[in-house]
C-alpha atoms as a PDB file:
ATOM      1  CA  MET A   1      -7.338   0.400  -6.062  1.00  0.00           C
ATOM      2  CA  ASP A   2      -6.207  -1.082  -2.926  1.00  0.00           C
ATOM      3  CA  VAL A   3      -5.908  -4.841  -1.839  1.00  0.00           C
ATOM      4  CA  SER A   4      -8.492  -4.859   0.358  1.00  0.00           C
ATOM      5  CA  SER A   5     -11.033  -3.815  -1.672  1.00  0.00           C
ATOM      6  CA  ARG A   6      -9.788  -5.639  -4.466  1.00  0.00           C
ATOM      7  CA  ILE A   7     -10.007  -8.914  -2.558  1.00  0.00           C
ATOM      8  CA  GLU A   8     -13.547  -8.445  -1.379  1.00  0.00           C
ATOM      9  CA  ARG A   9     -14.436  -7.070  -4.837  1.00  0.00           C
ATOM     10  CA  ALA A  10     -13.316 -10.945  -6.060  1.00  0.00           C
ATOM     11  CA  LEU A  11     -15.102 -12.597  -3.531  1.00  0.00           C
ATOM     12  CA  SER A  12     -18.229 -10.558  -4.084  1.00  0.00           C
ATOM     13  CA  GLU A  13     -17.957 -11.092  -7.872  1.00  0.00           C
ATOM     14  CA  ALA A  14     -17.399 -15.086  -6.642  1.00  0.00           C
ATOM     15  CA  VAL A  15     -20.000 -15.487  -4.519  1.00  0.00           C
ATOM     16  CA  ALA A  16     -22.893 -13.505  -6.661  1.00  0.00           C
ATOM     17  CA  PHE A  17     -22.527 -16.314  -9.197  1.00  0.00           C
ATOM     18  CA  ALA A  18     -24.133 -18.303  -6.517  1.00  0.00           C
ATOM     19  CA  GLU A  19     -26.917 -15.973  -6.185  1.00  0.00           C
ATOM     20  CA  ILE A  20     -27.977 -15.997 -10.378  1.00  0.00           C
ATOM     21  CA  PRO A  21     -31.674 -17.398 -10.621  1.00  0.00           C
ATOM     22  CA  GLY A  22     -31.906 -21.297  -9.965  1.00  0.00           C
ATOM     23  CA  CYS A  23     -29.711 -21.386  -6.887  1.00  0.00           C
ATOM     24  CA  PRO A  24     -31.137 -22.681  -3.799  1.00  0.00           C
ATOM     25  CA  PRO A  25     -31.714 -19.326  -1.942  1.00  0.00           C
ATOM     26  CA  ARG A  26     -31.272 -20.704   1.178  1.00  0.00           C
ATOM     27  CA  LEU A  27     -27.780 -22.444   0.420  1.00  0.00           C
ATOM     28  CA  ALA A  28     -26.763 -18.621  -1.609  1.00  0.00           C
ATOM     29  CA  ALA A  29     -27.515 -16.969   1.639  1.00  0.00           C
ATOM     30  CA  ALA A  30     -25.520 -19.550   3.790  1.00  0.00           C
ATOM     31  CA  MET A  31     -22.691 -19.140   1.049  1.00  0.00           C
ATOM     32  CA  ARG A  32     -22.915 -15.300   1.478  1.00  0.00           C
ATOM     33  CA  TYR A  33     -22.987 -15.699   5.210  1.00  0.00           C
ATOM     34  CA  ALA A  34     -20.286 -17.722   5.340  1.00  0.00           C
ATOM     35  CA  VAL A  35     -17.661 -15.536   3.276  1.00  0.00           C
ATOM     36  CA  PHE A  36     -18.913 -11.778   4.670  1.00  0.00           C
ATOM     37  CA  PRO A  37     -18.711  -9.939   7.138  1.00  0.00           C
ATOM     38  CA  ARG A  38     -14.823 -10.524   6.170  1.00  0.00           C
ATOM     39  CA  GLY A  39     -12.295 -11.782   8.125  1.00  0.00           C
ATOM     40  CA  ALA A  40      -8.593 -10.950   8.281  1.00  0.00           C
ATOM     41  CA  ARG A  41      -8.359 -12.368   5.057  1.00  0.00           C
ATOM     42  CA  VAL A  42      -4.593 -13.544   5.768  1.00  0.00           C
ATOM     43  CA  ARG A  43      -4.157 -15.639   2.987  1.00  0.00           C
ATOM     44  CA  PRO A  44      -5.323 -13.699  -0.244  1.00  0.00           C
ATOM     45  CA  ARG A  45      -3.566 -10.789   1.410  1.00  0.00           C
ATOM     46  CA  LEU A  46      -0.511 -13.031   1.348  1.00  0.00           C
ATOM     47  CA  CYS A  47      -1.309 -14.068  -2.372  1.00  0.00           C
ATOM     48  CA  HIS A  48      -1.368 -10.432  -3.391  1.00  0.00           C
ATOM     49  CA  SER A  49       2.081  -9.346  -1.243  1.00  0.00           C
ATOM     50  CA  VAL A  50       3.845 -12.470  -3.431  1.00  0.00           C
ATOM     51  CA  ALA A  51       2.485 -11.483  -6.720  1.00  0.00           C
ATOM     52  CA  ALA A  52       3.334  -7.761  -6.092  1.00  0.00           C
ATOM     53  CA  ALA A  53       6.910  -8.218  -5.064  1.00  0.00           C
ATOM     54  CA  CYS A  54       7.299 -10.542  -7.879  1.00  0.00           C
ATOM     55  CA  GLY A  55       5.921  -8.075 -10.515  1.00  0.00           C
ATOM     56  CA  GLU A  56       2.267  -9.018 -11.099  1.00  0.00           C
ATOM     57  CA  ASP A  57       1.435  -8.450 -14.299  1.00  0.00           C
ATOM     58  CA  HIS A  58      -1.766 -10.517 -14.328  1.00  0.00           C
ATOM     59  CA  PRO A  59      -4.201  -9.073 -11.865  1.00  0.00           C
ATOM     60  CA  ALA A  60      -7.096 -10.978 -12.825  1.00  0.00           C
ATOM     61  CA  ALA A  61      -4.981 -14.074 -12.044  1.00  0.00           C
ATOM     62  CA  THR A  62      -3.782 -12.996  -8.755  1.00  0.00           C
ATOM     63  CA  GLU A  63      -7.750 -11.810  -7.541  1.00  0.00           C
ATOM     64  CA  ALA A  64      -8.838 -14.933  -8.790  1.00  0.00           C
ATOM     65  CA  ALA A  65      -6.223 -17.038  -6.912  1.00  0.00           C
ATOM     66  CA  GLY A  66      -6.835 -14.734  -3.657  1.00  0.00           C
ATOM     67  CA  ALA A  67     -10.433 -15.603  -3.656  1.00  0.00           C
ATOM     68  CA  ALA A  68     -10.223 -19.019  -4.485  1.00  0.00           C
ATOM     69  CA  LEU A  69      -7.991 -19.236  -1.224  1.00  0.00           C
ATOM     70  CA  GLU A  70     -10.135 -17.414   0.870  1.00  0.00           C
ATOM     71  CA  LEU A  71     -13.223 -19.345  -0.338  1.00  0.00           C
ATOM     72  CA  LEU A  72     -11.302 -22.813   0.838  1.00  0.00           C
ATOM     73  CA  HIS A  73     -11.034 -21.208   3.692  1.00  0.00           C
ATOM     74  CA  CYS A  74     -14.236 -20.630   4.693  1.00  0.00           C
ATOM     75  CA  ALA A  75     -15.129 -23.634   3.550  1.00  0.00           C
ATOM     76  CA  SER A  76     -12.627 -25.437   5.794  1.00  0.00           C
ATOM     77  CA  LEU A  77     -14.055 -23.410   8.559  1.00  0.00           C
ATOM     78  CA  VAL A  78     -17.853 -23.947   7.957  1.00  0.00           C
ATOM     79  CA  HIS A  79     -16.637 -27.716   8.162  1.00  0.00           C
ATOM     80  CA  ASP A  80     -14.850 -27.340  11.504  1.00  0.00           C
ATOM     81  CA  ASP A  81     -17.714 -26.096  13.040  1.00  0.00           C
ATOM     82  CA  LEU A  82     -19.615 -29.028  12.641  1.00  0.00           C
ATOM     83  CA  PRO A  83     -20.831 -30.643  15.553  1.00  0.00           C
ATOM     84  CA  CYS A  84     -19.309 -34.080  14.465  1.00  0.00           C
ATOM     85  CA  PHE A  85     -15.904 -32.082  14.671  1.00  0.00           C
ATOM     86  CA  ASP A  86     -15.539 -28.765  16.771  1.00  0.00           C
ATOM     87  CA  ALA A  87     -19.345 -28.611  17.029  1.00  0.00           C
ATOM     88  CA  ALA A  88     -18.672 -25.149  17.836  1.00  0.00           C
ATOM     89  CA  GLU A  89     -21.635 -23.104  18.023  1.00  0.00           C
ATOM     90  CA  THR A  90     -20.396 -19.320  16.907  1.00  0.00           C
ATOM     91  CA  ARG A  91     -17.981 -18.283  14.787  1.00  0.00           C
ATOM     92  CA  ARG A  92     -16.757 -14.799  14.544  1.00  0.00           C
ATOM     93  CA  GLY A  93     -18.628 -13.381  17.055  1.00  0.00           C
ATOM     94  CA  ARG A  94     -21.861 -14.715  15.639  1.00  0.00           C
ATOM     95  CA  PRO A  95     -23.525 -18.458  15.107  1.00  0.00           C
ATOM     96  CA  SER A  96     -21.257 -20.432  12.845  1.00  0.00           C
ATOM     97  CA  VAL A  97     -23.415 -21.438   9.716  1.00  0.00           C
ATOM     98  CA  HIS A  98     -24.793 -24.964  10.845  1.00  0.00           C
ATOM     99  CA  LYS A  99     -26.382 -23.121  14.415  1.00  0.00           C
ATOM    100  CA  ALA A 100     -27.452 -20.292  11.463  1.00  0.00           C
ATOM    101  CA  PHE A 101     -28.788 -22.364   8.911  1.00  0.00           C
ATOM    102  CA  GLY A 102     -28.751 -26.265  10.269  1.00  0.00           C
ATOM    103  CA  GLU A 103     -26.013 -28.982   9.651  1.00  0.00           C
ATOM    104  CA  PRO A 104     -27.262 -30.131   6.226  1.00  0.00           C
ATOM    105  CA  LEU A 105     -27.238 -26.833   4.671  1.00  0.00           C
ATOM    106  CA  ALA A 106     -23.926 -26.410   6.594  1.00  0.00           C
ATOM    107  CA  VAL A 107     -22.058 -29.640   4.856  1.00  0.00           C
ATOM    108  CA  LEU A 108     -23.287 -28.346   1.337  1.00  0.00           C
ATOM    109  CA  THR A 109     -22.329 -24.991   2.077  1.00  0.00           C
ATOM    110  CA  GLY A 110     -18.627 -26.081   2.795  1.00  0.00           C
ATOM    111  CA  ASP A 111     -19.093 -28.421  -0.060  1.00  0.00           C
ATOM    112  CA  ALA A 112     -20.210 -25.851  -2.161  1.00  0.00           C
ATOM    113  CA  LEU A 113     -17.653 -22.905  -1.628  1.00  0.00           C
ATOM    114  CA  ILE A 114     -15.240 -25.877  -2.366  1.00  0.00           C
ATOM    115  CA  VAL A 115     -16.507 -26.234  -6.095  1.00  0.00           C
ATOM    116  CA  LEU A 116     -16.872 -22.281  -5.972  1.00  0.00           C
ATOM    117  CA  ALA A 117     -12.814 -21.978  -5.772  1.00  0.00           C
ATOM    118  CA  PHE A 118     -12.378 -23.817  -8.801  1.00  0.00           C
ATOM    119  CA  GLN A 119     -14.498 -22.624 -10.413  1.00  0.00           C
ATOM    120  CA  THR A 120     -13.603 -19.165  -9.973  1.00  0.00           C
ATOM    121  CA  LEU A 121     -10.204 -20.217 -10.805  1.00  0.00           C
ATOM    122  CA  ALA A 122     -11.626 -22.056 -14.122  1.00  0.00           C
ATOM    123  CA  ARG A 123     -12.970 -18.342 -15.104  1.00  0.00           C
ATOM    124  CA  ILE A 124      -9.846 -16.861 -15.572  1.00  0.00           C
ATOM    125  CA  GLN A 125      -8.938 -15.777 -18.904  1.00  0.00           C
ATOM    126  CA  GLY A 126      -5.675 -15.088 -20.236  1.00  0.00           C
ATOM    127  CA  ARG A 127      -1.891 -16.622 -19.819  1.00  0.00           C
ATOM    128  CA  PRO A 128      -3.559 -20.180 -20.038  1.00  0.00           C
ATOM    129  CA  GLU A 129      -0.017 -21.783 -19.795  1.00  0.00           C
ATOM    130  CA  ARG A 130      -0.437 -20.779 -15.908  1.00  0.00           C
ATOM    131  CA  LEU A 131      -3.751 -21.738 -14.610  1.00  0.00           C
ATOM    132  CA  THR A 132      -3.002 -25.718 -14.865  1.00  0.00           C
ATOM    133  CA  ALA A 133       0.027 -25.165 -12.378  1.00  0.00           C
ATOM    134  CA  LEU A 134      -2.029 -22.441 -10.462  1.00  0.00           C
ATOM    135  CA  THR A 135      -5.224 -25.088 -10.059  1.00  0.00           C
ATOM    136  CA  LEU A 136      -2.968 -27.674  -8.811  1.00  0.00           C
ATOM    137  CA  THR A 137      -0.575 -26.042  -6.432  1.00  0.00           C
ATOM    138  CA  ILE A 138      -4.000 -25.061  -4.789  1.00  0.00           C
ATOM    139  CA  ALA A 139      -6.012 -28.241  -4.858  1.00  0.00           C
ATOM    140  CA  GLN A 140      -2.797 -29.882  -3.050  1.00  0.00           C
ATOM    141  CA  SER A 141      -3.199 -27.034  -0.312  1.00  0.00           C
ATOM    142  CA  VAL A 142      -6.712 -28.343   0.532  1.00  0.00           C
ATOM    143  CA  GLY A 143      -6.524 -32.393  -0.267  1.00  0.00           C
ATOM    144  CA  VAL A 144      -4.458 -35.347   0.137  1.00  0.00           C
ATOM    145  CA  PRO A 145      -1.934 -36.004   1.173  1.00  0.00           C
ATOM    146  CA  SER A 146      -1.164 -32.998   2.924  1.00  0.00           C
ATOM    147  CA  GLY A 147      -3.570 -30.247   2.278  1.00  0.00           C
ATOM    148  CA  ILE A 148      -5.843 -29.181   4.740  1.00  0.00           C
ATOM    149  CA  VAL A 149      -8.475 -31.644   4.730  1.00  0.00           C
ATOM    150  CA  ALA A 150      -5.431 -34.428   5.448  1.00  0.00           C
ATOM    151  CA  GLY A 151      -4.794 -32.141   8.716  1.00  0.00           C
ATOM    152  CA  GLN A 152      -8.571 -32.570   9.540  1.00  0.00           C
ATOM    153  CA  ALA A 153      -8.378 -36.198   9.307  1.00  0.00           C
ATOM    154  CA  TRP A 154      -5.306 -36.326  11.813  1.00  0.00           C
ATOM    155  CA  GLU A 155      -7.780 -35.521  14.316  1.00  0.00           C
ATOM    156  CA  CYS A 156      -9.380 -38.498  13.806  1.00  0.00           C
ATOM    157  CA  GLU A 157      -6.061 -40.679  14.113  1.00  0.00           C
ATOM    158  CA  ALA A 158      -5.037 -42.379  17.176  1.00  0.00           C
ATOM    159  CA  ALA A 159      -1.772 -40.773  17.163  1.00  0.00           C
ATOM    160  CA  VAL A 160      -1.295 -36.721  16.088  1.00  0.00           C
ATOM    161  CA  PRO A 161       2.387 -35.826  15.064  1.00  0.00           C
ATOM    162  CA  LEU A 162       2.439 -31.795  15.855  1.00  0.00           C
ATOM    163  CA  SER A 163       3.994 -31.307  12.940  1.00  0.00           C
ATOM    164  CA  ASP A 164       2.540 -33.150  10.631  1.00  0.00           C
ATOM    165  CA  TYR A 165      -0.556 -31.726  12.012  1.00  0.00           C
ATOM    166  CA  GLN A 166      -0.022 -28.159  11.572  1.00  0.00           C
ATOM    167  CA  ARG A 167       1.680 -28.074   8.428  1.00  0.00           C
ATOM    168  CA  ALA A 168      -1.292 -29.909   7.038  1.00  0.00           C
ATOM    169  CA  LYS A 169      -4.300 -28.419   8.625  1.00  0.00           C
ATOM    170  CA  THR A 170      -2.772 -24.438   8.151  1.00  0.00           C
ATOM    171  CA  GLY A 171       0.395 -24.598   6.874  1.00  0.00           C
ATOM    172  CA  ALA A 172      -0.680 -26.597   3.569  1.00  0.00           C
ATOM    173  CA  LEU A 173      -2.997 -23.208   2.507  1.00  0.00           C
ATOM    174  CA  PHE A 174       0.091 -20.549   3.126  1.00  0.00           C
ATOM    175  CA  VAL A 175       1.913 -22.698   0.993  1.00  0.00           C
ATOM    176  CA  GLY A 176      -0.551 -22.338  -1.292  1.00  0.00           C
ATOM    177  CA  ALA A 177      -1.019 -18.812  -1.149  1.00  0.00           C
ATOM    178  CA  THR A 178       2.657 -17.975  -1.138  1.00  0.00           C
ATOM    179  CA  GLN A 179       3.001 -19.912  -4.555  1.00  0.00           C
ATOM    180  CA  ALA A 180      -0.147 -18.992  -6.178  1.00  0.00           C
ATOM    181  CA  GLY A 181       1.045 -15.459  -5.672  1.00  0.00           C
ATOM    182  CA  ALA A 182       4.261 -16.329  -7.355  1.00  0.00           C
ATOM    183  CA  LEU A 183       2.896 -18.215 -10.353  1.00  0.00           C
ATOM    184  CA  THR A 184       0.336 -15.783 -11.082  1.00  0.00           C
ATOM    185  CA  ALA A 185       3.055 -13.638 -12.029  1.00  0.00           C
ATOM    186  CA  GLY A 186       5.087 -16.148 -13.761  1.00  0.00           C
ATOM    187  CA  PHE A 187       7.250 -17.302 -11.346  1.00  0.00           C
ATOM    188  CA  ASP A 188       9.089 -20.306 -10.298  1.00  0.00           C
ATOM    189  CA  PRO A 189       6.790 -21.928  -7.212  1.00  0.00           C
ATOM    190  CA  GLU A 190       9.206 -23.655  -5.834  1.00  0.00           C
ATOM    191  CA  PRO A 191      11.103 -21.300  -3.770  1.00  0.00           C
ATOM    192  CA  TRP A 192       8.399 -19.558  -2.235  1.00  0.00           C
ATOM    193  CA  ALA A 193       7.242 -22.894  -0.380  1.00  0.00           C
ATOM    194  CA  ALA A 194       9.208 -22.076   3.067  1.00  0.00           C
ATOM    195  CA  LEU A 195       7.604 -18.923   2.875  1.00  0.00           C
ATOM    196  CA  GLY A 196       4.536 -20.031   3.327  1.00  0.00           C
ATOM    197  CA  ALA A 197       5.374 -22.696   5.685  1.00  0.00           C
ATOM    198  CA  SER A 198       7.220 -20.493   8.200  1.00  0.00           C
ATOM    199  CA  ILE A 199       3.965 -18.125   8.154  1.00  0.00           C
ATOM    200  CA  GLY A 200       1.454 -20.543   8.602  1.00  0.00           C
ATOM    201  CA  GLU A 201       3.426 -22.717  10.854  1.00  0.00           C
ATOM    202  CA  ALA A 202       3.422 -19.099  12.744  1.00  0.00           C
ATOM    203  CA  TYR A 203      -0.102 -18.882  12.523  1.00  0.00           C
ATOM    204  CA  GLN A 204      -0.785 -21.876  14.166  1.00  0.00           C
ATOM    205  CA  VAL A 205       1.294 -21.318  16.995  1.00  0.00           C
ATOM    206  CA  ALA A 206      -0.443 -17.623  17.524  1.00  0.00           C
ATOM    207  CA  ASP A 207      -3.720 -19.448  17.071  1.00  0.00           C
ATOM    208  CA  ASP A 208      -2.703 -22.217  19.759  1.00  0.00           C
ATOM    209  CA  LEU A 209      -1.669 -19.182  22.335  1.00  0.00           C
ATOM    210  CA  ARG A 210      -5.057 -17.207  21.556  1.00  0.00           C
ATOM    211  CA  ASP A 211      -7.000 -20.741  22.478  1.00  0.00           C
ATOM    212  CA  VAL A 212      -5.136 -20.789  25.325  1.00  0.00           C
ATOM    213  CA  LEU A 213      -5.115 -16.604  26.608  1.00  0.00           C
ATOM    214  CA  CYS A 214      -7.989 -15.172  25.191  1.00  0.00           C
ATOM    215  CA  ASP A 215     -11.369 -15.563  26.594  1.00  0.00           C
ATOM    216  CA  VAL A 216     -15.087 -16.190  24.265  1.00  0.00           C
ATOM    217  CA  GLU A 217     -15.769 -12.715  23.044  1.00  0.00           C
ATOM    218  CA  GLU A 218     -12.290 -11.503  22.161  1.00  0.00           C
ATOM    219  CA  LEU A 219     -11.283 -14.992  20.174  1.00  0.00           C
ATOM    220  CA  GLY A 220     -15.179 -14.920  18.441  1.00  0.00           C
ATOM    221  CA  LYS A 221     -15.336 -18.782  18.766  1.00  0.00           C
ATOM    222  CA  PRO A 222     -14.901 -21.590  21.738  1.00  0.00           C
ATOM    223  CA  ILE A 223     -11.645 -21.819  23.901  1.00  0.00           C
ATOM    224  CA  GLY A 224      -9.926 -24.482  24.934  1.00  0.00           C
ATOM    225  CA  GLN A 225     -11.050 -26.806  22.353  1.00  0.00           C
ATOM    226  CA  ASP A 226      -7.655 -28.459  21.701  1.00  0.00           C
ATOM    227  CA  ALA A 227      -7.569 -28.893  25.644  1.00  0.00           C
ATOM    228  CA  ARG A 228     -11.039 -30.285  25.215  1.00  0.00           C
ATOM    229  CA  ARG A 229     -10.690 -32.794  22.414  1.00  0.00           C
ATOM    230  CA  LEU A 230      -6.603 -33.865  22.897  1.00  0.00           C
ATOM    231  CA  ARG A 231      -5.263 -32.076  19.877  1.00  0.00           C
ATOM    232  CA  PRO A 232      -1.645 -30.746  19.615  1.00  0.00           C
ATOM    233  CA  ASN A 233      -1.326 -27.684  20.680  1.00  0.00           C
ATOM    234  CA  ALA A 234       2.070 -25.494  20.479  1.00  0.00           C
ATOM    235  CA  ALA A 235       1.189 -23.326  23.988  1.00  0.00           C
ATOM    236  CA  ALA A 236       0.329 -26.984  25.747  1.00  0.00           C
ATOM    237  CA  GLN A 237       3.383 -28.635  24.267  1.00  0.00           C
ATOM    238  CA  LEU A 238       5.862 -25.498  24.954  1.00  0.00           C
ATOM    239  CA  GLY A 239       4.692 -23.872  27.486  1.00  0.00           C
ATOM    240  CA  VAL A 240       3.554 -19.946  26.780  1.00  0.00           C
ATOM    241  CA  GLY A 241       7.018 -18.703  26.811  1.00  0.00           C
ATOM    242  CA  GLY A 242       8.021 -21.694  24.504  1.00  0.00           C
ATOM    243  CA  ALA A 243       5.498 -20.889  22.102  1.00  0.00           C
ATOM    244  CA  LYS A 244       6.182 -17.432  22.123  1.00  0.00           C
ATOM    245  CA  ALA A 245       9.786 -17.663  21.393  1.00  0.00           C
ATOM    246  CA  ARG A 246       8.727 -20.604  18.376  1.00  0.00           C
ATOM    247  CA  LEU A 247       6.898 -17.856  17.138  1.00  0.00           C
ATOM    248  CA  ARG A 248       9.404 -15.048  16.971  1.00  0.00           C
ATOM    249  CA  GLU A 249      11.578 -17.811  15.580  1.00  0.00           C
ATOM    250  CA  LEU A 250       9.314 -19.095  12.773  1.00  0.00           C
ATOM    251  CA  VAL A 251       8.766 -14.700  12.176  1.00  0.00           C
ATOM    252  CA  ASP A 252      12.462 -14.313  11.559  1.00  0.00           C
ATOM    253  CA  ALA A 253      12.712 -17.713   9.499  1.00  0.00           C
ATOM    254  CA  ALA A 254       9.746 -16.651   6.956  1.00  0.00           C
ATOM    255  CA  VAL A 255      11.542 -12.870   6.660  1.00  0.00           C
ATOM    256  CA  LYS A 256      14.492 -14.367   6.038  1.00  0.00           C
ATOM    257  CA  SER A 257      13.217 -17.041   3.601  1.00  0.00           C
ATOM    258  CA  ILE A 258      12.030 -14.568   0.958  1.00  0.00           C
ATOM    259  CA  PRO A 259      13.780 -15.370  -2.638  1.00  0.00           C
ATOM    260  CA  ASP A 260      15.015 -12.698  -4.672  1.00  0.00           C
ATOM    261  CA  CYS A 261      12.367 -11.195  -6.586  1.00  0.00           C
ATOM    262  CA  PRO A 262      11.950  -7.595  -8.162  1.00  0.00           C
ATOM    263  CA  GLY A 263      10.146  -6.321  -4.279  1.00  0.00           C
ATOM    264  CA  ALA A 264      11.928  -8.812  -1.934  1.00  0.00           C
ATOM    265  CA  GLU A 265      12.691  -5.591   0.754  1.00  0.00           C
ATOM    266  CA  GLU A 266       9.354  -4.044   0.609  1.00  0.00           C
ATOM    267  CA  LEU A 267       8.099  -7.465   1.013  1.00  0.00           C
ATOM    268  CA  ARG A 268      10.424  -8.637   3.808  1.00  0.00           C
ATOM    269  CA  VAL A 269       9.436  -4.857   5.687  1.00  0.00           C
ATOM    270  CA  LEU A 270       5.342  -6.423   5.181  1.00  0.00           C
ATOM    271  CA  ILE A 271       5.765 -10.165   6.088  1.00  0.00           C
ATOM    272  CA  LYS A 272       8.022  -8.774   9.659  1.00  0.00           C
ATOM    273  CA  ALA A 273       5.103  -5.868  10.172  1.00  0.00           C
ATOM    274  CA  GLN A 274       2.100  -8.765   9.239  1.00  0.00           C
ATOM    275  CA  THR A 275       3.776 -11.705  11.242  1.00  0.00           C
ATOM    276  CA  MET A 276       4.045  -9.496  14.376  1.00  0.00           C
ATOM    277  CA  LEU A 277       0.487  -8.761  14.128  1.00  0.00           C
ATOM    278  CA  PHE A 278      -0.104 -12.744  15.105  1.00  0.00           C
ATOM    279  CA  PHE A 279       0.994 -11.824  18.065  1.00  0.00           C
ATOM    280  CA  PRO A 280      -2.022 -12.335  21.274  1.00  0.00           C
ATOM    281  CA  LYS A 281      -1.683  -9.117  22.854  1.00  0.00           C
ATOM    282  CA  GLN A 282      -2.188 -10.901  26.371  1.00  0.00           C
ATOM    283  CA  LEU A 283       1.722 -12.048  25.457  1.00  0.00           C
ATOM    284  CA  ALA A 284       2.606  -8.517  26.931  1.00  0.00           C
ATOM    285  CA  LEU A 285       1.505  -9.568  29.982  1.00  0.00           C
ATOM    286  CA  VAL A 286       2.767 -13.041  30.723  1.00  0.00           C
ATOM    287  CA  ALA A 287       6.567 -13.458  30.950  1.00  0.00           C
ATOM    288  CA  ALA A 288       8.751 -15.089  28.383  1.00  0.00           C
END
């Protein structure tokens, strides 16, 4: 089974846990709506890629970790779109969860997806010695002091340092993905943090560029949010050319940071190819 199929199967099984008799039907429907149809699944793909490079020996753990990471990402999108944050009416080209199901249910949907992520991890069978470290690693990528919740909280501060903001709001979950992939294969997660950090920052710089260069139809969500809400944006601070150059630096740094492992060379090729896809197509028309 290919990686995409493994990711979708694991997510389907996780969300089905919320659809058993006794769960409020509209909550279950909103959870499924938030997770499907699929997005790029960048974070679980990264987790699977690192696990494979490390000689994956516990596929069920890799699949559970990948699903947990994506559930947490989807939860963050549901909450980000709420009127108290971005007030985004669309996500992935269709109504956001709060527009489709109402604000109260959207809050509960995000909450339920967070809990479901850790329920998914708790159901891993075999190699229990890895579970504690895996759970803690993923929890750190979403909580405080520097997970995605902290990243969102920076928007509530008077001063927002660009590096701290991007490292927490976007980079943390990528670090969680690379470290989780290593952990599921029995490898030390620490050397893998640099790879996740570089990819995470690259993804955020690319997202900042898309916010400036893309239209609503292409992006599938409102544009110009950073400028409207006075949030840090790499394209605004560095200019389009500077942000493009920074993105290339980060792609190179990601490839160079890959630790020694059985599949290191294959992973370098894969990471190079995947991160180059971050570049918005409009950059081909914009001078560096």
